Amino acid sequence: MKIGYYILSIFLAALIFSNSIRASLTYTYYELDPVGFIEALCENKDKPELACNGKCHLKKVAESQDSNKKTPESIVDFKELFLFTNPKEETPLFYRISYKKQSPNPYQNLYSYINVMDCFHPPRA
């Protein structure tokens, strides 16, 4: 099944690529071989007095590319768009985490000194 999806994706990518490069290839063919372009693709071969020299076909290709790009300017009507806000939750951005430094030697006596800043004095009798 994976191979089918792979082949389908390659086919669709090639189809999109060929559609996007079609106009460029037509203009390249016109620039490289104008005589062959006129003989193969000119619509007015029987009317040489027009002297279009294949530009009729180029115009048709350019119009087909432009018609594909015509899309509505505004798809979303902002009059119907409602925006809701949610109150911001109080969450701390940073948590205070203290790490003990590990001693480089493998001996562990499992005693750690806790430095307490306030001084606790036992009650005096």
N, C-alpha and C. Protein backbone atom coordinates (compact mmCIF):
# COMPACT_ATOMS: atom_id res chain seq x y z
N MET A 1 0.83 -1.19 0.00
CA MET A 1 0.00 0.00 0.00
C MET A 1 0.87 1.25 0.00
N LYS A 2 2.02 1.17 0.69
CA LYS A 2 2.90 2.32 0.72
C LYS A 2 3.42 2.66 -0.67
N ILE A 3 3.67 1.63 -1.47
CA ILE A 3 4.19 1.87 -2.82
C ILE A 3 3.14 2.59 -3.66
N GLY A 4 1.88 2.24 -3.46
CA GLY A 4 0.80 2.91 -4.19
C GLY A 4 0.73 4.39 -3.85
N TYR A 5 0.85 4.72 -2.55
CA TYR A 5 0.85 6.13 -2.15
C TYR A 5 2.08 6.84 -2.71
N TYR A 6 3.20 6.15 -2.72
CA TYR A 6 4.44 6.75 -3.23
C TYR A 6 4.31 7.05 -4.72
N ILE A 7 3.78 6.10 -5.48
CA ILE A 7 3.61 6.30 -6.92
C ILE A 7 2.59 7.40 -7.19
N LEU A 8 1.51 7.42 -6.42
CA LEU A 8 0.49 8.46 -6.59
C LEU A 8 1.06 9.84 -6.28
N SER A 9 1.85 9.96 -5.23
CA SER A 9 2.42 11.26 -4.89
C SER A 9 3.43 11.71 -5.94
N ILE A 10 4.23 10.79 -6.48
CA ILE A 10 5.16 11.14 -7.56
C ILE A 10 4.39 11.59 -8.79
N PHE A 11 3.32 10.88 -9.12
CA PHE A 11 2.52 11.25 -10.29
C PHE A 11 1.89 12.63 -10.13
N LEU A 12 1.32 12.91 -8.95
CA LEU A 12 0.70 14.22 -8.73
C LEU A 12 1.73 15.34 -8.73
N ALA A 13 2.90 15.08 -8.16
CA ALA A 13 3.96 16.09 -8.16
C ALA A 13 4.43 16.38 -9.58
N ALA A 14 4.57 15.34 -10.40
CA ALA A 14 4.97 15.53 -11.80
C ALA A 14 3.89 16.28 -12.57
N LEU A 15 2.64 15.99 -12.29
CA LEU A 15 1.53 16.68 -12.96
C LEU A 15 1.52 18.17 -12.61
N ILE A 16 1.69 18.48 -11.35
CA ILE A 16 1.72 19.89 -10.92
C ILE A 16 2.93 20.60 -11.52
N PHE A 17 4.08 19.92 -11.52
CA PHE A 17 5.29 20.52 -12.07
C PHE A 17 5.14 20.78 -13.57
N SER A 18 4.59 19.81 -14.31
CA SER A 18 4.44 20.00 -15.75
C SER A 18 3.44 21.11 -16.07
N ASN A 19 2.40 21.24 -15.27
CA ASN A 19 1.42 22.30 -15.49
C ASN A 19 2.03 23.68 -15.22
N SER A 20 2.88 23.76 -14.21
CA SER A 20 3.46 25.06 -13.88
C SER A 20 4.56 25.47 -14.85
N ILE A 21 5.20 24.51 -15.52
CA ILE A 21 6.32 24.85 -16.39
C ILE A 21 5.91 24.86 -17.87
N ARG A 22 4.64 24.58 -18.16
CA ARG A 22 4.17 24.49 -19.55
C ARG A 22 4.37 25.79 -20.32
N ALA A 23 4.02 26.91 -19.74
CA ALA A 23 4.15 28.20 -20.44
C ALA A 23 5.62 28.54 -20.66
N SER A 24 6.45 28.24 -19.69
CA SER A 24 7.88 28.53 -19.83
C SER A 24 8.49 27.70 -20.96
N LEU A 25 8.08 26.44 -21.06
CA LEU A 25 8.60 25.61 -22.14
C LEU A 25 8.11 26.09 -23.50
N THR A 26 6.90 26.59 -23.57
CA THR A 26 6.38 27.12 -24.84
C THR A 26 7.16 28.34 -25.28
N TYR A 27 7.44 29.27 -24.35
CA TYR A 27 8.23 30.45 -24.68
C TYR A 27 9.67 30.07 -25.05
N THR A 28 10.22 29.07 -24.37
CA THR A 28 11.58 28.63 -24.69
C THR A 28 11.63 28.03 -26.09
N TYR A 29 10.65 27.23 -26.44
CA TYR A 29 10.58 26.65 -27.78
C TYR A 29 10.46 27.74 -28.83
N TYR A 30 9.70 28.79 -28.55
CA TYR A 30 9.55 29.90 -29.49
C TYR A 30 10.88 30.65 -29.68
N GLU A 31 11.62 30.84 -28.59
CA GLU A 31 12.89 31.57 -28.68
C GLU A 31 13.98 30.74 -29.35
N LEU A 32 14.03 29.44 -29.09
CA LEU A 32 15.10 28.60 -29.62
C LEU A 32 14.88 28.22 -31.09
N ASP A 33 13.66 27.92 -31.47
CA ASP A 33 13.37 27.48 -32.83
C ASP A 33 12.10 28.16 -33.33
N PRO A 34 12.20 29.45 -33.72
CA PRO A 34 10.98 30.15 -34.14
C PRO A 34 10.36 29.58 -35.42
N VAL A 35 11.19 29.10 -36.35
CA VAL A 35 10.65 28.55 -37.60
C VAL A 35 9.86 27.27 -37.32
N GLY A 36 10.42 26.39 -36.53
CA GLY A 36 9.72 25.15 -36.17
C GLY A 36 8.47 25.44 -35.35
N PHE A 37 8.53 26.44 -34.49
CA PHE A 37 7.37 26.83 -33.68
C PHE A 37 6.24 27.32 -34.58
N ILE A 38 6.60 28.17 -35.57
CA ILE A 38 5.58 28.71 -36.47
C ILE A 38 4.95 27.59 -37.30
N GLU A 39 5.79 26.67 -37.79
CA GLU A 39 5.26 25.57 -38.60
C GLU A 39 4.38 24.62 -37.79
N ALA A 40 4.74 24.41 -36.54
CA ALA A 40 4.00 23.42 -35.75
C ALA A 40 2.77 24.01 -35.06
N LEU A 41 2.88 25.21 -34.51
CA LEU A 41 1.83 25.70 -33.62
C LEU A 41 1.11 26.96 -34.07
N CYS A 42 1.55 27.61 -35.11
CA CYS A 42 0.89 28.86 -35.52
C CYS A 42 -0.51 28.56 -36.06
N GLU A 43 -1.47 29.35 -35.63
CA GLU A 43 -2.86 29.15 -36.05
C GLU A 43 -3.15 29.84 -37.38
N ASN A 44 -2.34 30.81 -37.74
CA ASN A 44 -2.60 31.60 -38.95
C ASN A 44 -1.54 31.31 -40.02
N LYS A 45 -1.24 30.04 -40.28
CA LYS A 45 -0.26 29.69 -41.31
C LYS A 45 -0.79 30.02 -42.70
N ASP A 46 -2.09 29.91 -42.89
CA ASP A 46 -2.68 30.17 -44.20
C ASP A 46 -2.86 31.67 -44.47
N LYS A 47 -2.62 32.53 -43.46
CA LYS A 47 -2.74 33.98 -43.64
C LYS A 47 -1.40 34.65 -43.33
N PRO A 48 -0.46 34.64 -44.27
CA PRO A 48 0.86 35.23 -43.99
C PRO A 48 0.83 36.75 -43.91
N GLU A 49 -0.23 37.38 -44.41
CA GLU A 49 -0.30 38.85 -44.35
C GLU A 49 -0.47 39.36 -42.92
N LEU A 50 -0.93 38.51 -41.99
CA LEU A 50 -1.06 38.92 -40.59
C LEU A 50 0.29 39.03 -39.90
N ALA A 51 1.27 38.27 -40.37
CA ALA A 51 2.64 38.28 -39.84
C ALA A 51 2.66 38.13 -38.32
N CYS A 52 1.90 37.16 -37.84
CA CYS A 52 1.87 36.96 -36.38
C CYS A 52 3.08 36.17 -35.91
N ASN A 53 3.67 35.34 -36.80
CA ASN A 53 4.89 34.58 -36.49
C ASN A 53 4.77 33.77 -35.20
N GLY A 54 3.66 33.15 -34.99
CA GLY A 54 3.48 32.27 -33.83
C GLY A 54 3.04 32.97 -32.57
N LYS A 55 2.91 34.29 -32.61
CA LYS A 55 2.52 35.02 -31.40
C LYS A 55 1.06 34.77 -31.04
N CYS A 56 0.29 34.30 -32.00
CA CYS A 56 -1.11 33.98 -31.70
C CYS A 56 -1.18 32.83 -30.70
N HIS A 57 -0.34 31.82 -30.89
CA HIS A 57 -0.33 30.69 -29.95
C HIS A 57 0.25 31.11 -28.60
N LEU A 58 1.28 31.96 -28.62
CA LEU A 58 1.86 32.45 -27.37
C LEU A 58 0.84 33.25 -26.57
N LYS A 59 0.02 34.03 -27.28
CA LYS A 59 -1.02 34.81 -26.60
C LYS A 59 -2.05 33.89 -25.96
N LYS A 60 -2.41 32.81 -26.67
CA LYS A 60 -3.38 31.86 -26.13
C LYS A 60 -2.83 31.16 -24.88
N VAL A 61 -1.54 30.81 -24.90
CA VAL A 61 -0.92 30.16 -23.74
C VAL A 61 -0.86 31.12 -22.56
N ALA A 62 -0.51 32.39 -22.84
CA ALA A 62 -0.45 33.38 -21.76
C ALA A 62 -1.83 33.62 -21.15
N GLU A 63 -2.86 33.66 -21.97
CA GLU A 63 -4.22 33.85 -21.45
C GLU A 63 -4.68 32.65 -20.62
N SER A 64 -4.29 31.46 -21.03
CA SER A 64 -4.68 30.28 -20.25
C SER A 64 -3.97 30.27 -18.89
N GLN A 65 -2.74 30.75 -18.85
CA GLN A 65 -2.03 30.85 -17.57
C GLN A 65 -2.67 31.92 -16.69
N ASP A 66 -3.08 33.04 -17.28
CA ASP A 66 -3.70 34.11 -16.50
C ASP A 66 -5.08 33.70 -15.99
N SER A 67 -5.83 32.93 -16.79
CA SER A 67 -7.16 32.52 -16.34
C SER A 67 -7.06 31.54 -15.17
N ASN A 68 -5.96 30.78 -15.09
CA ASN A 68 -5.78 29.87 -13.97
C ASN A 68 -5.49 30.63 -12.69
N LYS A 69 -4.89 31.80 -12.80
CA LYS A 69 -4.50 32.56 -11.62
C LYS A 69 -5.59 33.49 -11.12
N LYS A 70 -6.68 33.63 -11.85
CA LYS A 70 -7.75 34.52 -11.42
C LYS A 70 -8.52 33.86 -10.29
N THR A 71 -8.35 34.38 -9.10
CA THR A 71 -9.05 33.87 -7.92
C THR A 71 -9.77 35.04 -7.27
N PRO A 72 -10.79 34.78 -6.52
CA PRO A 72 -11.46 35.89 -5.82
C PRO A 72 -10.50 36.53 -4.83
N GLU A 73 -10.59 37.86 -4.74
CA GLU A 73 -9.67 38.58 -3.87
C GLU A 73 -9.94 38.30 -2.40
N SER A 74 -11.19 38.25 -2.03
CA SER A 74 -11.51 38.03 -0.62
C SER A 74 -12.42 36.82 -0.49
N ILE A 75 -11.90 35.76 0.04
CA ILE A 75 -12.70 34.56 0.23
C ILE A 75 -13.47 34.66 1.55
N VAL A 76 -12.85 35.24 2.57
CA VAL A 76 -13.47 35.36 3.89
C VAL A 76 -14.10 36.74 4.00
N ASP A 77 -15.37 36.78 4.33
CA ASP A 77 -16.03 38.06 4.55
C ASP A 77 -15.81 38.43 6.02
N PHE A 78 -15.09 39.51 6.25
CA PHE A 78 -14.72 39.88 7.60
C PHE A 78 -15.90 40.40 8.41
N LYS A 79 -17.03 40.68 7.77
CA LYS A 79 -18.21 41.09 8.51
C LYS A 79 -18.79 39.92 9.31
N GLU A 80 -18.59 38.72 8.81
CA GLU A 80 -19.14 37.54 9.48
C GLU A 80 -18.14 36.87 10.41
N LEU A 81 -16.98 37.42 10.54
CA LEU A 81 -15.93 36.81 11.34
C LEU A 81 -15.99 37.35 12.76
N PHE A 82 -16.15 36.46 13.71
CA PHE A 82 -16.20 36.85 15.11
C PHE A 82 -14.93 36.37 15.80
N LEU A 83 -14.38 37.23 16.63
CA LEU A 83 -13.18 36.87 17.36
C LEU A 83 -13.52 36.79 18.84
N PHE A 84 -13.14 35.72 19.46
CA PHE A 84 -13.36 35.53 20.88
C PHE A 84 -12.02 35.49 21.58
N THR A 85 -11.97 36.08 22.76
CA THR A 85 -10.74 36.04 23.53
C THR A 85 -10.95 35.20 24.77
N ASN A 86 -9.93 34.50 25.15
CA ASN A 86 -9.95 33.70 26.37
C ASN A 86 -9.04 34.36 27.38
N PRO A 87 -9.43 34.33 28.67
CA PRO A 87 -8.54 34.92 29.68
C PRO A 87 -7.25 34.13 29.77
N LYS A 88 -6.18 34.85 30.00
CA LYS A 88 -4.87 34.23 30.08
C LYS A 88 -4.74 33.50 31.41
N GLU A 89 -4.28 32.29 31.36
CA GLU A 89 -4.10 31.52 32.57
C GLU A 89 -2.78 31.92 33.23
N GLU A 90 -2.80 31.89 34.55
CA GLU A 90 -1.59 32.22 35.30
C GLU A 90 -0.70 30.99 35.39
N THR A 91 0.29 30.93 34.57
CA THR A 91 1.25 29.83 34.62
C THR A 91 2.64 30.42 34.72
N PRO A 92 3.45 29.89 35.60
CA PRO A 92 4.81 30.41 35.70
C PRO A 92 5.61 30.03 34.46
N LEU A 93 6.42 30.96 34.01
CA LEU A 93 7.22 30.71 32.82
C LEU A 93 8.43 29.84 33.14
N PHE A 94 9.04 30.11 34.29
CA PHE A 94 10.24 29.37 34.64
C PHE A 94 10.05 28.75 36.02
N TYR A 95 10.44 27.55 36.16
CA TYR A 95 10.40 26.87 37.45
C TYR A 95 11.81 26.88 38.02
N ARG A 96 11.88 27.10 39.32
CA ARG A 96 13.19 27.11 39.96
C ARG A 96 13.59 25.67 40.26
N ILE A 97 14.62 25.24 39.63
CA ILE A 97 15.10 23.88 39.79
C ILE A 97 16.54 23.96 40.24
N SER A 98 16.84 23.26 41.31
CA SER A 98 18.22 23.24 41.78
C SER A 98 18.79 21.85 41.56
N TYR A 99 19.99 21.83 41.07
CA TYR A 99 20.67 20.58 40.79
C TYR A 99 21.88 20.46 41.71
N LYS A 100 22.12 19.26 42.19
CA LYS A 100 23.31 19.01 42.98
C LYS A 100 24.44 18.64 42.02
N LYS A 101 25.60 19.16 42.31
CA LYS A 101 26.75 18.79 41.50
C LYS A 101 27.20 17.40 41.90
N GLN A 102 27.47 16.60 40.94
CA GLN A 102 27.94 15.25 41.20
C GLN A 102 29.44 15.28 41.43
N SER A 103 29.89 14.50 42.38
CA SER A 103 31.33 14.44 42.63
C SER A 103 31.98 13.57 41.57
N PRO A 104 33.19 13.92 41.19
CA PRO A 104 33.84 13.18 40.12
C PRO A 104 34.30 11.79 40.54
N ASN A 105 34.44 11.54 41.83
CA ASN A 105 34.89 10.21 42.25
C ASN A 105 33.69 9.30 42.51
N PRO A 106 33.87 8.01 42.39
CA PRO A 106 32.74 7.09 42.51
C PRO A 106 32.29 6.85 43.95
N TYR A 107 33.04 7.30 44.93
CA TYR A 107 32.66 7.07 46.33
C TYR A 107 31.46 7.92 46.67
N GLN A 108 30.45 7.34 47.27
CA GLN A 108 29.29 8.08 47.71
C GLN A 108 29.06 7.78 49.18
N ASN A 109 29.04 8.82 50.00
CA ASN A 109 28.77 8.55 51.40
C ASN A 109 27.34 8.91 51.76
N LEU A 110 26.54 9.33 50.76
CA LEU A 110 25.11 9.61 50.89
C LEU A 110 24.81 10.68 51.94
N TYR A 111 25.75 11.58 52.13
CA TYR A 111 25.54 12.71 53.02
C TYR A 111 25.59 13.96 52.17
N SER A 112 24.62 14.84 52.34
CA SER A 112 24.67 16.11 51.62
C SER A 112 24.41 17.22 52.62
N TYR A 113 25.20 18.24 52.53
CA TYR A 113 25.08 19.38 53.42
C TYR A 113 24.02 20.30 52.86
N ILE A 114 23.05 20.65 53.64
CA ILE A 114 22.00 21.55 53.22
C ILE A 114 22.28 22.89 53.88
N ASN A 115 22.54 23.87 53.06
CA ASN A 115 22.84 25.20 53.55
C ASN A 115 21.52 25.94 53.75
N VAL A 116 21.15 26.17 54.98
CA VAL A 116 19.91 26.87 55.29
C VAL A 116 20.27 28.30 55.65
N MET A 117 19.60 29.24 55.02
CA MET A 117 19.96 30.63 55.22
C MET A 117 19.47 31.17 56.57
N ASP A 118 18.32 30.75 57.02
CA ASP A 118 17.87 31.25 58.32
C ASP A 118 18.49 30.41 59.44
N CYS A 119 18.82 31.06 60.50
CA CYS A 119 19.48 30.37 61.61
C CYS A 119 18.42 29.94 62.62
N PHE A 120 18.30 28.67 62.83
CA PHE A 120 17.35 28.14 63.79
C PHE A 120 18.06 27.98 65.13
N HIS A 121 17.56 28.65 66.14
CA HIS A 121 18.11 28.52 67.48
C HIS A 121 17.08 27.79 68.33
N PRO A 122 17.50 26.73 69.01
CA PRO A 122 16.56 26.04 69.88
C PRO A 122 16.19 26.93 71.06
N PRO A 123 15.04 26.74 71.64
CA PRO A 123 14.64 27.58 72.76
C PRO A 123 15.58 27.39 73.96
N ARG A 124 15.85 28.48 74.65
CA ARG A 124 16.71 28.42 75.83
C ARG A 124 15.86 28.20 77.08
N ALA A 125 16.39 27.42 77.95
CA ALA A 125 15.67 27.13 79.18
C ALA A 125 15.96 28.12 80.27
